[in-house]
Amino acid sequence: MSLKWEQVVVNSLDPKALAEWWKAALGWNFSEIDEDGDVEIRRTRDSFPALMFVGVPEAKDGFDRLHLDFRPDDQAAEVERLLSLGAVHTDVGQGEDKTWTVLADPEGNEFCVLSAPA
């Protein structure tokens, strides 16, 4: 198979601001803005996959059809850190007895912070 995962594209009202938020959330170091104002971020210049934030005129409406899951070493500490950066708790119907926490970024895109590895 010759497919390589290049990036995940995220529609955004403010691509630059949302890319900066995700850079801080992920601890990534590289970003690049194209001529249309779309912003790509990566861990390093040569690492993949990337996140590409593309400008759109309308706000997010409804649940995401795709979201990212993250597995930190310390779930509680990571949730608190992400909340301090501006994430918010959100409900996607997960219930209260789950081992993961659902958060949303500043534009409402949901993502999960899973429990630490066993």
PDB file of N, CA and C in Angstrom:
ATOM      1  N   MET A   1       0.848  -1.179   0.000  1.00  0.00           N
ATOM      2  CA  MET A   1       0.000   0.000   0.000  1.00  0.00           C
ATOM      3  C   MET A   1       0.892   1.241   0.000  1.00  0.00           C
ATOM      4  N   SER A   2       0.518   2.235  -0.770  1.00  0.00           N
ATOM      5  CA  SER A   2       1.343   3.433  -0.875  1.00  0.00           C
ATOM      6  C   SER A   2       0.750   4.654  -0.170  1.00  0.00           C
ATOM      7  N   LEU A   3      -0.381   4.493   0.509  1.00  0.00           N
ATOM      8  CA  LEU A   3      -0.992   5.628   1.205  1.00  0.00           C
ATOM      9  C   LEU A   3      -0.188   6.004   2.441  1.00  0.00           C
ATOM     10  N   LYS A   4       0.004   7.312   2.640  1.00  0.00           N
ATOM     11  CA  LYS A   4       0.635   7.827   3.851  1.00  0.00           C
ATOM     12  C   LYS A   4      -0.271   8.905   4.422  1.00  0.00           C
ATOM     13  N   TRP A   5      -0.463   8.866   5.723  1.00  0.00           N
ATOM     14  CA  TRP A   5      -1.335   9.828   6.379  1.00  0.00           C
ATOM     15  C   TRP A   5      -0.612  11.153   6.460  1.00  0.00           C
ATOM     16  N   GLU A   6      -1.115  12.138   5.730  1.00  0.00           N
ATOM     17  CA  GLU A   6      -0.509  13.463   5.658  1.00  0.00           C
ATOM     18  C   GLU A   6      -1.008  14.380   6.769  1.00  0.00           C
ATOM     19  N   GLN A   7      -2.350  14.545   6.865  1.00  0.00           N
ATOM     20  CA  GLN A   7      -2.890  15.488   7.840  1.00  0.00           C
ATOM     21  C   GLN A   7      -4.370  15.257   8.074  1.00  0.00           C
ATOM     22  N   VAL A   8      -4.853  15.871   9.147  1.00  0.00           N
ATOM     23  CA  VAL A   8      -6.273  15.969   9.434  1.00  0.00           C
ATOM     24  C   VAL A   8      -6.632  17.432   9.205  1.00  0.00           C
ATOM     25  N   VAL A   9      -7.703  17.678   8.458  1.00  0.00           N
ATOM     26  CA  VAL A   9      -8.122  19.043   8.151  1.00  0.00           C
ATOM     27  C   VAL A   9      -9.257  19.431   9.094  1.00  0.00           C
ATOM     28  N   VAL A  10      -9.122  20.617   9.699  1.00  0.00           N
ATOM     29  CA  VAL A  10     -10.112  21.129  10.641  1.00  0.00           C
ATOM     30  C   VAL A  10     -10.640  22.449  10.094  1.00  0.00           C
ATOM     31  N   ASN A  11     -11.949  22.533   9.855  1.00  0.00           N
ATOM     32  CA  ASN A  11     -12.558  23.802   9.449  1.00  0.00           C
ATOM     33  C   ASN A  11     -12.580  24.738  10.641  1.00  0.00           C
ATOM     34  N   SER A  12     -12.338  26.034  10.382  1.00  0.00           N
ATOM     35  CA  SER A  12     -12.188  26.962  11.488  1.00  0.00           C
ATOM     36  C   SER A  12     -12.605  28.376  11.087  1.00  0.00           C
ATOM     37  N   LEU A  13     -13.211  29.084  12.022  1.00  0.00           N
ATOM     38  CA  LEU A  13     -13.512  30.501  11.805  1.00  0.00           C
ATOM     39  C   LEU A  13     -12.239  31.338  11.854  1.00  0.00           C
ATOM     40  N   ASP A  14     -11.305  30.946  12.706  1.00  0.00           N
ATOM     41  CA  ASP A  14     -10.043  31.673  12.873  1.00  0.00           C
ATOM     42  C   ASP A  14      -8.902  30.659  12.872  1.00  0.00           C
ATOM     43  N   PRO A  15      -8.442  30.254  11.677  1.00  0.00           N
ATOM     44  CA  PRO A  15      -7.428  29.202  11.591  1.00  0.00           C
ATOM     45  C   PRO A  15      -6.160  29.491  12.388  1.00  0.00           C
ATOM     46  N   LYS A  16      -5.692  30.722  12.361  1.00  0.00           N
ATOM     47  CA  LYS A  16      -4.451  31.046  13.070  1.00  0.00           C
ATOM     48  C   LYS A  16      -4.615  30.868  14.580  1.00  0.00           C
ATOM     49  N   ALA A  17      -5.695  31.400  15.132  1.00  0.00           N
ATOM     50  CA  ALA A  17      -5.912  31.290  16.580  1.00  0.00           C
ATOM     51  C   ALA A  17      -6.114  29.841  17.002  1.00  0.00           C
ATOM     52  N   LEU A  18      -6.907  29.086  16.225  1.00  0.00           N
ATOM     53  CA  LEU A  18      -7.149  27.698  16.608  1.00  0.00           C
ATOM     54  C   LEU A  18      -5.886  26.856  16.459  1.00  0.00           C
ATOM     55  N   ALA A  19      -5.093  27.122  15.433  1.00  0.00           N
ATOM     56  CA  ALA A  19      -3.820  26.407  15.268  1.00  0.00           C
ATOM     57  C   ALA A  19      -2.892  26.692  16.445  1.00  0.00           C
ATOM     58  N   GLU A  20      -2.843  27.935  16.880  1.00  0.00           N
ATOM     59  CA  GLU A  20      -2.001  28.281  18.039  1.00  0.00           C
ATOM     60  C   GLU A  20      -2.491  27.564  19.294  1.00  0.00           C
ATOM     61  N   TRP A  21      -3.813  27.450  19.458  1.00  0.00           N
ATOM     62  CA  TRP A  21      -4.347  26.747  20.619  1.00  0.00           C
ATOM     63  C   TRP A  21      -3.917  25.279  20.588  1.00  0.00           C
ATOM     64  N   TRP A  22      -4.065  24.624  19.418  1.00  0.00           N
ATOM     65  CA  TRP A  22      -3.688  23.217  19.307  1.00  0.00           C
ATOM     66  C   TRP A  22      -2.182  23.025  19.429  1.00  0.00           C
ATOM     67  N   LYS A  23      -1.381  23.975  18.959  1.00  0.00           N
ATOM     68  CA  LYS A  23       0.070  23.871  19.163  1.00  0.00           C
ATOM     69  C   LYS A  23       0.384  23.823  20.654  1.00  0.00           C
ATOM     70  N   ALA A  24      -0.249  24.700  21.425  1.00  0.00           N
ATOM     71  CA  ALA A  24      -0.031  24.713  22.876  1.00  0.00           C
ATOM     72  C   ALA A  24      -0.564  23.435  23.516  1.00  0.00           C
ATOM     73  N   ALA A  25      -1.746  22.991  23.084  1.00  0.00           N
ATOM     74  CA  ALA A  25      -2.352  21.790  23.666  1.00  0.00           C
ATOM     75  C   ALA A  25      -1.494  20.555  23.422  1.00  0.00           C
ATOM     76  N   LEU A  26      -0.917  20.448  22.210  1.00  0.00           N
ATOM     77  CA  LEU A  26      -0.136  19.268  21.841  1.00  0.00           C
ATOM     78  C   LEU A  26       1.362  19.403  22.124  1.00  0.00           C
ATOM     79  N   GLY A  27       1.812  20.619  22.410  1.00  0.00           N
ATOM     80  CA  GLY A  27       3.246  20.841  22.609  1.00  0.00           C
ATOM     81  C   GLY A  27       4.018  20.757  21.306  1.00  0.00           C
ATOM     82  N   TRP A  28       3.341  21.035  20.196  1.00  0.00           N
ATOM     83  CA  TRP A  28       4.000  20.992  18.896  1.00  0.00           C
ATOM     84  C   TRP A  28       4.745  22.290  18.639  1.00  0.00           C
ATOM     85  N   ASN A  29       5.747  22.242  17.753  1.00  0.00           N
ATOM     86  CA  ASN A  29       6.637  23.381  17.567  1.00  0.00           C
ATOM     87  C   ASN A  29       6.584  24.037  16.196  1.00  0.00           C
ATOM     88  N   PHE A  30       6.061  23.348  15.190  1.00  0.00           N
ATOM     89  CA  PHE A  30       6.150  23.862  13.821  1.00  0.00           C
ATOM     90  C   PHE A  30       4.789  24.287  13.298  1.00  0.00           C
ATOM     91  N   SER A  31       4.752  25.450  12.656  1.00  0.00           N
ATOM     92  CA  SER A  31       3.536  25.859  11.960  1.00  0.00           C
ATOM     93  C   SER A  31       3.922  26.603  10.692  1.00  0.00           C
ATOM     94  N   GLU A  32       2.997  26.564   9.756  1.00  0.00           N
ATOM     95  CA  GLU A  32       3.223  27.208   8.466  1.00  0.00           C
ATOM     96  C   GLU A  32       1.880  27.744   7.975  1.00  0.00           C
ATOM     97  N   ILE A  33       1.864  28.986   7.517  1.00  0.00           N
ATOM     98  CA  ILE A  33       0.649  29.615   7.009  1.00  0.00           C
ATOM     99  C   ILE A  33       0.769  29.724   5.498  1.00  0.00           C
ATOM    100  N   ASP A  34      -0.275  29.280   4.785  1.00  0.00           N
ATOM    101  CA  ASP A  34      -0.226  29.374   3.316  1.00  0.00           C
ATOM    102  C   ASP A  34      -0.825  30.694   2.836  1.00  0.00           C
ATOM    103  N   GLU A  35      -0.847  30.881   1.533  1.00  0.00           N
ATOM    104  CA  GLU A  35      -1.301  32.144   0.942  1.00  0.00           C
ATOM    105  C   GLU A  35      -2.773  32.426   1.196  1.00  0.00           C
ATOM    106  N   ASP A  36      -3.566  31.399   1.530  1.00  0.00           N
ATOM    107  CA  ASP A  36      -4.990  31.586   1.824  1.00  0.00           C
ATOM    108  C   ASP A  36      -5.256  31.837   3.307  1.00  0.00           C
ATOM    109  N   GLY A  37      -4.210  31.806   4.139  1.00  0.00           N
ATOM    110  CA  GLY A  37      -4.372  31.984   5.574  1.00  0.00           C
ATOM    111  C   GLY A  37      -4.637  30.700   6.324  1.00  0.00           C
ATOM    112  N   ASP A  38      -4.575  29.567   5.618  1.00  0.00           N
ATOM    113  CA  ASP A  38      -4.725  28.279   6.280  1.00  0.00           C
ATOM    114  C   ASP A  38      -3.422  27.950   7.011  1.00  0.00           C
ATOM    115  N   VAL A  39      -3.541  27.288   8.144  1.00  0.00           N
ATOM    116  CA  VAL A  39      -2.373  27.041   8.992  1.00  0.00           C
ATOM    117  C   VAL A  39      -2.206  25.543   9.215  1.00  0.00           C
ATOM    118  N   GLU A  40      -0.997  25.049   8.970  1.00  0.00           N
ATOM    119  CA  GLU A  40      -0.655  23.658   9.242  1.00  0.00           C
ATOM    120  C   GLU A  40       0.277  23.621  10.441  1.00  0.00           C
ATOM    121  N   ILE A  41       0.018  22.699  11.369  1.00  0.00           N
ATOM    122  CA  ILE A  41       0.916  22.511  12.506  1.00  0.00           C
ATOM    123  C   ILE A  41       1.383  21.061  12.537  1.00  0.00           C
ATOM    124  N   ARG A  42       2.604  20.891  13.045  1.00  0.00           N
ATOM    125  CA  ARG A  42       3.196  19.555  13.225  1.00  0.00           C
ATOM    126  C   ARG A  42       4.098  19.583  14.451  1.00  0.00           C
ATOM    127  N   ARG A  43       4.426  18.385  14.906  1.00  0.00           N
ATOM    128  CA  ARG A  43       5.358  18.276  16.035  1.00  0.00           C
ATOM    129  C   ARG A  43       6.697  18.914  15.661  1.00  0.00           C
ATOM    130  N   THR A  44       7.211  18.561  14.494  1.00  0.00           N
ATOM    131  CA  THR A  44       8.440  19.140  13.940  1.00  0.00           C
ATOM    132  C   THR A  44       8.217  19.350  12.442  1.00  0.00           C
ATOM    133  N   ARG A  45       9.095  20.046  11.798  1.00  0.00           N
ATOM    134  CA  ARG A  45       8.960  20.349  10.373  1.00  0.00           C
ATOM    135  C   ARG A  45       8.746  19.087   9.531  1.00  0.00           C
ATOM    136  N   ASP A  46       9.411  17.996   9.869  1.00  0.00           N
ATOM    137  CA  ASP A  46       9.368  16.784   9.054  1.00  0.00           C
ATOM    138  C   ASP A  46       8.471  15.672   9.596  1.00  0.00           C
ATOM    139  N   SER A  47       7.692  15.946  10.638  1.00  0.00           N
ATOM    140  CA  SER A  47       6.858  14.886  11.221  1.00  0.00           C
ATOM    141  C   SER A  47       5.442  14.915  10.646  1.00  0.00           C
ATOM    142  N   PHE A  48       4.836  13.755  10.619  1.00  0.00           N
ATOM    143  CA  PHE A  48       3.469  13.602  10.135  1.00  0.00           C
ATOM    144  C   PHE A  48       2.741  12.630  11.048  1.00  0.00           C
ATOM    145  N   PRO A  49       1.425  12.662  11.127  1.00  0.00           N
ATOM    146  CA  PRO A  49       0.549  13.552  10.392  1.00  0.00           C
ATOM    147  C   PRO A  49       0.527  14.949  10.997  1.00  0.00           C
ATOM    148  N   ALA A  50      -0.010  15.872  10.229  1.00  0.00           N
ATOM    149  CA  ALA A  50      -0.157  17.262  10.643  1.00  0.00           C
ATOM    150  C   ALA A  50      -1.634  17.558  10.886  1.00  0.00           C
ATOM    151  N   LEU A  51      -1.896  18.709  11.485  1.00  0.00           N
ATOM    152  CA  LEU A  51      -3.251  19.254  11.551  1.00  0.00           C
ATOM    153  C   LEU A  51      -3.259  20.504  10.681  1.00  0.00           C
ATOM    154  N   MET A  52      -4.236  20.610   9.781  1.00  0.00           N
ATOM    155  CA  MET A  52      -4.376  21.769   8.900  1.00  0.00           C
ATOM    156  C   MET A  52      -5.682  22.477   9.247  1.00  0.00           C
ATOM    157  N   PHE A  53      -5.582  23.755   9.592  1.00  0.00           N
ATOM    158  CA  PHE A  53      -6.742  24.558   9.958  1.00  0.00           C
ATOM    159  C   PHE A  53      -7.097  25.443   8.775  1.00  0.00           C
ATOM    160  N   VAL A  54      -8.303  25.226   8.232  1.00  0.00           N
ATOM    161  CA  VAL A  54      -8.760  25.873   7.011  1.00  0.00           C
ATOM    162  C   VAL A  54      -9.914  26.806   7.351  1.00  0.00           C
ATOM    163  N   GLY A  55      -9.847  28.026   6.876  1.00  0.00           N
ATOM    164  CA  GLY A  55     -10.884  29.009   7.152  1.00  0.00           C
ATOM    165  C   GLY A  55     -12.197  28.702   6.457  1.00  0.00           C
ATOM    166  N   VAL A  56     -13.289  28.822   7.219  1.00  0.00           N
ATOM    167  CA  VAL A  56     -14.639  28.685   6.683  1.00  0.00           C
ATOM    168  C   VAL A  56     -15.488  29.834   7.244  1.00  0.00           C
ATOM    169  N   PRO A  57     -16.565  30.206   6.550  1.00  0.00           N
ATOM    170  CA  PRO A  57     -17.347  31.365   7.000  1.00  0.00           C
ATOM    171  C   PRO A  57     -18.366  31.070   8.094  1.00  0.00           C
ATOM    172  N   GLU A  58     -18.684  29.803   8.339  1.00  0.00           N
ATOM    173  CA  GLU A  58     -19.731  29.492   9.312  1.00  0.00           C
ATOM    174  C   GLU A  58     -19.152  28.743  10.515  1.00  0.00           C
ATOM    175  N   ALA A  59     -19.800  28.950  11.667  1.00  0.00           N
ATOM    176  CA  ALA A  59     -19.392  28.264  12.896  1.00  0.00           C
ATOM    177  C   ALA A  59     -19.809  26.801  12.839  1.00  0.00           C
ATOM    178  N   LYS A  60     -19.157  25.989  13.634  1.00  0.00           N
ATOM    179  CA  LYS A  60     -19.496  24.572  13.758  1.00  0.00           C
ATOM    180  C   LYS A  60     -20.938  24.454  14.239  1.00  0.00           C
ATOM    181  N   ASP A  61     -21.659  23.478  13.694  1.00  0.00           N
ATOM    182  CA  ASP A  61     -23.048  23.270  14.069  1.00  0.00           C
ATOM    183  C   ASP A  61     -23.274  21.775  14.281  1.00  0.00           C
ATOM    184  N   GLY A  62     -23.532  21.364  15.513  1.00  0.00           N
ATOM    185  CA  GLY A  62     -23.773  19.953  15.805  1.00  0.00           C
ATOM    186  C   GLY A  62     -22.496  19.233  16.223  1.00  0.00           C
ATOM    187  N   PHE A  63     -22.622  17.916  16.394  1.00  0.00           N
ATOM    188  CA  PHE A  63     -21.497  17.096  16.818  1.00  0.00           C
ATOM    189  C   PHE A  63     -20.523  16.875  15.665  1.00  0.00           C
ATOM    190  N   ASP A  64     -19.254  16.704  16.007  1.00  0.00           N
ATOM    191  CA  ASP A  64     -18.238  16.372  15.005  1.00  0.00           C
ATOM    192  C   ASP A  64     -18.494  14.963  14.473  1.00  0.00           C
ATOM    193  N   ARG A  65     -18.239  14.767  13.211  1.00  0.00           N
ATOM    194  CA  ARG A  65     -18.326  13.432  12.620  1.00  0.00           C
ATOM    195  C   ARG A  65     -17.027  12.665  12.851  1.00  0.00           C
ATOM    196  N   LEU A  66     -15.984  13.388  13.164  1.00  0.00           N
ATOM    197  CA  LEU A  66     -14.665  12.810  13.430  1.00  0.00           C
ATOM    198  C   LEU A  66     -14.075  13.594  14.590  1.00  0.00           C
ATOM    199  N   HIS A  67     -13.467  12.908  15.531  1.00  0.00           N
ATOM    200  CA  HIS A  67     -12.756  13.627  16.588  1.00  0.00           C
ATOM    201  C   HIS A  67     -11.495  12.860  16.955  1.00  0.00           C
ATOM    202  N   LEU A  68     -10.598  13.534  17.645  1.00  0.00           N
ATOM    203  CA  LEU A  68      -9.326  12.950  18.044  1.00  0.00           C
ATOM    204  C   LEU A  68      -9.422  12.430  19.470  1.00  0.00           C
ATOM    205  N   ASP A  69      -8.724  11.321  19.745  1.00  0.00           N
ATOM    206  CA  ASP A  69      -8.594  10.767  21.092  1.00  0.00           C
ATOM    207  C   ASP A  69      -7.130  10.844  21.492  1.00  0.00           C
ATOM    208  N   PHE A  70      -6.890  11.216  22.743  1.00  0.00           N
ATOM    209  CA  PHE A  70      -5.526  11.317  23.263  1.00  0.00           C
ATOM    210  C   PHE A  70      -5.418  10.477  24.523  1.00  0.00           C
ATOM    211  N   ARG A  71      -4.270   9.800  24.715  1.00  0.00           N
ATOM    212  CA  ARG A  71      -4.046   8.976  25.900  1.00  0.00           C
ATOM    213  C   ARG A  71      -2.806   9.506  26.630  1.00  0.00           C
ATOM    214  N   PRO A  72      -3.020  10.332  27.652  1.00  0.00           N
ATOM    215  CA  PRO A  72      -1.896  10.884  28.412  1.00  0.00           C
ATOM    216  C   PRO A  72      -1.432   9.922  29.506  1.00  0.00           C
ATOM    217  N   ASP A  73      -0.287  10.223  30.080  1.00  0.00           N
ATOM    218  CA  ASP A  73       0.190   9.454  31.223  1.00  0.00           C
ATOM    219  C   ASP A  73      -0.651   9.742  32.465  1.00  0.00           C
ATOM    220  N   ASP A  74      -1.120  10.984  32.605  1.00  0.00           N
ATOM    221  CA  ASP A  74      -1.907  11.390  33.773  1.00  0.00           C
ATOM    222  C   ASP A  74      -3.147  12.125  33.267  1.00  0.00           C
ATOM    223  N   GLN A  75      -4.274  11.417  33.203  1.00  0.00           N
ATOM    224  CA  GLN A  75      -5.496  11.971  32.633  1.00  0.00           C
ATOM    225  C   GLN A  75      -5.967  13.224  33.373  1.00  0.00           C
ATOM    226  N   ALA A  76      -6.027  13.163  34.692  1.00  0.00           N
ATOM    227  CA  ALA A  76      -6.542  14.300  35.460  1.00  0.00           C
ATOM    228  C   ALA A  76      -5.691  15.551  35.249  1.00  0.00           C
ATOM    229  N   ALA A  77      -4.383  15.383  35.284  1.00  0.00           N
ATOM    230  CA  ALA A  77      -3.492  16.530  35.082  1.00  0.00           C
ATOM    231  C   ALA A  77      -3.637  17.101  33.675  1.00  0.00           C
ATOM    232  N   GLU A  78      -3.774  16.221  32.703  1.00  0.00           N
ATOM    233  CA  GLU A  78      -3.900  16.683  31.316  1.00  0.00           C
ATOM    234  C   GLU A  78      -5.229  17.394  31.087  1.00  0.00           C
ATOM    235  N   VAL A  79      -6.299  16.877  31.651  1.00  0.00           N
ATOM    236  CA  VAL A  79      -7.594  17.549  31.531  1.00  0.00           C
ATOM    237  C   VAL A  79      -7.506  18.939  32.147  1.00  0.00           C
ATOM    238  N   GLU A  80      -6.924  19.051  33.318  1.00  0.00           N
ATOM    239  CA  GLU A  80      -6.787  20.365  33.966  1.00  0.00           C
ATOM    240  C   GLU A  80      -5.939  21.321  33.122  1.00  0.00           C
ATOM    241  N   ARG A  81      -4.857  20.815  32.542  1.00  0.00           N
ATOM    242  CA  ARG A  81      -4.000  21.658  31.700  1.00  0.00           C
ATOM    243  C   ARG A  81      -4.770  22.160  30.481  1.00  0.00           C
ATOM    244  N   LEU A  82      -5.514  21.267  29.833  1.00  0.00           N
ATOM    245  CA  LEU A  82      -6.286  21.651  28.650  1.00  0.00           C
ATOM    246  C   LEU A  82      -7.391  22.642  29.003  1.00  0.00           C
ATOM    247  N   LEU A  83      -8.038  22.439  30.140  1.00  0.00           N
ATOM    248  CA  LEU A  83      -9.046  23.400  30.597  1.00  0.00           C
ATOM    249  C   LEU A  83      -8.426  24.766  30.839  1.00  0.00           C
ATOM    250  N   SER A  84      -7.218  24.792  31.401  1.00  0.00           N
ATOM    251  CA  SER A  84      -6.548  26.072  31.657  1.00  0.00           C
ATOM    252  C   SER A  84      -6.169  26.789  30.362  1.00  0.00           C
ATOM    253  N   LEU A  85      -6.031  26.022  29.264  1.00  0.00           N
ATOM    254  CA  LEU A  85      -5.735  26.624  27.958  1.00  0.00           C
ATOM    255  C   LEU A  85      -6.999  27.134  27.260  1.00  0.00           C
ATOM    256  N   GLY A  86      -8.169  26.757  27.770  1.00  0.00           N
ATOM    257  CA  GLY A  86      -9.412  27.219  27.161  1.00  0.00           C
ATOM    258  C   GLY A  86     -10.338  26.142  26.656  1.00  0.00           C
ATOM    259  N   ALA A  87      -9.985  24.867  26.847  1.00  0.00           N
ATOM    260  CA  ALA A  87     -10.912  23.779  26.498  1.00  0.00           C
ATOM    261  C   ALA A  87     -12.089  23.836  27.465  1.00  0.00           C
ATOM    262  N   VAL A  88     -13.197  23.225  27.076  1.00  0.00           N
ATOM    263  CA  VAL A  88     -14.365  23.135  27.951  1.00  0.00           C
ATOM    264  C   VAL A  88     -14.881  21.700  27.935  1.00  0.00           C
ATOM    265  N   HIS A  89     -15.500  21.311  29.057  1.00  0.00           N
ATOM    266  CA  HIS A  89     -16.172  20.014  29.096  1.00  0.00           C
ATOM    267  C   HIS A  89     -17.362  20.064  28.149  1.00  0.00           C
ATOM    268  N   THR A  90     -17.643  18.962  27.483  1.00  0.00           N
ATOM    269  CA  THR A  90     -18.802  18.912  26.593  1.00  0.00           C
ATOM    270  C   THR A  90     -19.445  17.535  26.669  1.00  0.00           C
ATOM    271  N   ASP A  91     -20.713  17.488  26.350  1.00  0.00           N
ATOM    272  CA  ASP A  91     -21.484  16.252  26.430  1.00  0.00           C
ATOM    273  C   ASP A  91     -21.849  15.798  25.023  1.00  0.00           C
ATOM    274  N   VAL A  92     -21.398  14.609  24.662  1.00  0.00           N
ATOM    275  CA  VAL A  92     -21.754  14.008  23.377  1.00  0.00           C
ATOM    276  C   VAL A  92     -22.576  12.742  23.610  1.00  0.00           C
ATOM    277  N   GLY A  93     -23.179  12.658  24.802  1.00  0.00           N
ATOM    278  CA  GLY A  93     -23.980  11.488  25.146  1.00  0.00           C
ATOM    279  C   GLY A  93     -23.182  10.378  25.789  1.00  0.00           C
ATOM    280  N   GLN A  94     -22.008  10.699  26.322  1.00  0.00           N
ATOM    281  CA  GLN A  94     -21.115   9.682  26.862  1.00  0.00           C
ATOM    282  C   GLN A  94     -21.539   9.140  28.219  1.00  0.00           C
ATOM    283  N   GLY A  95     -22.415   9.815  28.936  1.00  0.00           N
ATOM    284  CA  GLY A  95     -22.802   9.347  30.266  1.00  0.00           C
ATOM    285  C   GLY A  95     -21.741   9.691  31.292  1.00  0.00           C
ATOM    286  N   GLU A  96     -22.004   9.321  32.529  1.00  0.00           N
ATOM    287  CA  GLU A  96     -21.112   9.716  33.625  1.00  0.00           C
ATOM    288  C   GLU A  96     -20.124   8.638  34.048  1.00  0.00           C
ATOM    289  N   ASP A  97     -20.300   7.402  33.648  1.00  0.00           N
ATOM    290  CA  ASP A  97     -19.461   6.314  34.151  1.00  0.00           C
ATOM    291  C   ASP A  97     -18.359   5.910  33.169  1.00  0.00           C
ATOM    292  N   LYS A  98     -17.917   6.807  32.334  1.00  0.00           N
ATOM    293  CA  LYS A  98     -16.901   6.508  31.322  1.00  0.00           C
ATOM    294  C   LYS A  98     -15.500   6.784  31.866  1.00  0.00           C
ATOM    295  N   THR A  99     -14.521   6.117  31.282  1.00  0.00           N
ATOM    296  CA  THR A  99     -13.133   6.309  31.710  1.00  0.00           C
ATOM    297  C   THR A  99     -12.451   7.420  30.920  1.00  0.00           C
ATOM    298  N   TRP A 100     -13.165   8.048  30.001  1.00  0.00           N
ATOM    299  CA  TRP A 100     -12.597   9.149  29.231  1.00  0.00           C
ATOM    300  C   TRP A 100     -13.351  10.435  29.538  1.00  0.00           C
ATOM    301  N   THR A 101     -12.706  11.543  29.219  1.00  0.00           N
ATOM    302  CA  THR A 101     -13.293  12.859  29.398  1.00  0.00           C
ATOM    303  C   THR A 101     -13.429  13.504  28.029  1.00  0.00           C
ATOM    304  N   VAL A 102     -14.617  14.030  27.738  1.00  0.00           N
ATOM    305  CA  VAL A 102     -14.838  14.707  26.458  1.00  0.00           C
ATOM    306  C   VAL A 102     -14.703  16.205  26.675  1.00  0.00           C
ATOM    307  N   LEU A 103     -13.825  16.802  25.886  1.00  0.00           N
ATOM    308  CA  LEU A 103     -13.601  18.248  25.923  1.00  0.00           C
ATOM    309  C   LEU A 103     -13.849  18.815  24.533  1.00  0.00           C
ATOM    310  N   ALA A 104     -13.916  20.141  24.454  1.00  0.00           N
ATOM    311  CA  ALA A 104     -14.017  20.824  23.168  1.00  0.00           C
ATOM    312  C   ALA A 104     -12.999  21.952  23.152  1.00  0.00           C
ATOM    313  N   ASP A 105     -12.417  22.186  21.973  1.00  0.00           N
ATOM    314  CA  ASP A 105     -11.468  23.280  21.810  1.00  0.00           C
ATOM    315  C   ASP A 105     -12.227  24.612  21.750  1.00  0.00           C
ATOM    316  N   PRO A 106     -11.544  25.748  21.632  1.00  0.00           N
ATOM    317  CA  PRO A 106     -12.230  27.043  21.644  1.00  0.00           C
ATOM    318  C   PRO A 106     -13.281  27.250  20.546  1.00  0.00           C
ATOM    319  N   GLU A 107     -13.264  26.461  19.470  1.00  0.00           N
ATOM    320  CA  GLU A 107     -14.292  26.583  18.438  1.00  0.00           C
ATOM    321  C   GLU A 107     -15.326  25.458  18.519  1.00  0.00           C
ATOM    322  N   GLY A 108     -15.270  24.658  19.592  1.00  0.00           N
ATOM    323  CA  GLY A 108     -16.290  23.642  19.827  1.00  0.00           C
ATOM    324  C   GLY A 108     -16.010  22.269  19.252  1.00  0.00           C
ATOM    325  N   ASN A 109     -14.808  22.030  18.726  1.00  0.00           N
ATOM    326  CA  ASN A 109     -14.459  20.711  18.188  1.00  0.00           C
ATOM    327  C   ASN A 109     -14.174  19.755  19.334  1.00  0.00           C
ATOM    328  N   GLU A 110     -14.932  18.645  19.378  1.00  0.00           N
ATOM    329  CA  GLU A 110     -14.786  17.703  20.467  1.00  0.00           C
ATOM    330  C   GLU A 110     -13.546  16.831  20.324  1.00  0.00           C
ATOM    331  N   PHE A 111     -12.981  16.449  21.459  1.00  0.00           N
ATOM    332  CA  PHE A 111     -11.885  15.474  21.506  1.00  0.00           C
ATOM    333  C   PHE A 111     -11.950  14.782  22.858  1.00  0.00           C
ATOM    334  N   CYS A 112     -11.362  13.607  22.948  1.00  0.00           N
ATOM    335  CA  CYS A 112     -11.405  12.834  24.187  1.00  0.00           C
ATOM    336  C   CYS A 112     -10.021  12.718  24.798  1.00  0.00           C
ATOM    337  N   VAL A 113      -9.986  12.792  26.117  1.00  0.00           N
ATOM    338  CA  VAL A 113      -8.778  12.503  26.877  1.00  0.00           C
ATOM    339  C   VAL A 113      -9.060  11.191  27.588  1.00  0.00           C
ATOM    340  N   LEU A 114      -8.379  10.148  27.134  1.00  0.00           N
ATOM    341  CA  LEU A 114      -8.604   8.805  27.646  1.00  0.00           C
ATOM    342  C   LEU A 114      -7.884   8.590  28.973  1.00  0.00           C
ATOM    343  N   SER A 115      -8.230   7.508  29.650  1.00  0.00           N
ATOM    344  CA  SER A 115      -7.518   7.181  30.878  1.00  0.00           C
ATOM    345  C   SER A 115      -6.093   6.748  30.553  1.00  0.00           C
ATOM    346  N   ALA A 116      -5.238   6.828  31.537  1.00  0.00           N
ATOM    347  CA  ALA A 116      -3.831   6.472  31.357  1.00  0.00           C
ATOM    348  C   ALA A 116      -3.714   4.984  31.010  1.00  0.00           C
ATOM    349  N   PRO A 117      -2.645   4.626  30.307  1.00  0.00           N
ATOM    350  CA  PRO A 117      -2.464   3.214  29.971  1.00  0.00           C
ATOM    351  C   PRO A 117      -2.343   2.351  31.227  1.00  0.00           C
ATOM    352  N   ALA A 118      -2.807   1.126  31.118  1.00  0.00           N
ATOM    353  CA  ALA A 118      -2.768   0.210  32.268  1.00  0.00           C
ATOM    354  C   ALA A 118      -1.375  -0.335  32.467  1.00  0.00           C
TER     355      ALA A 118
END
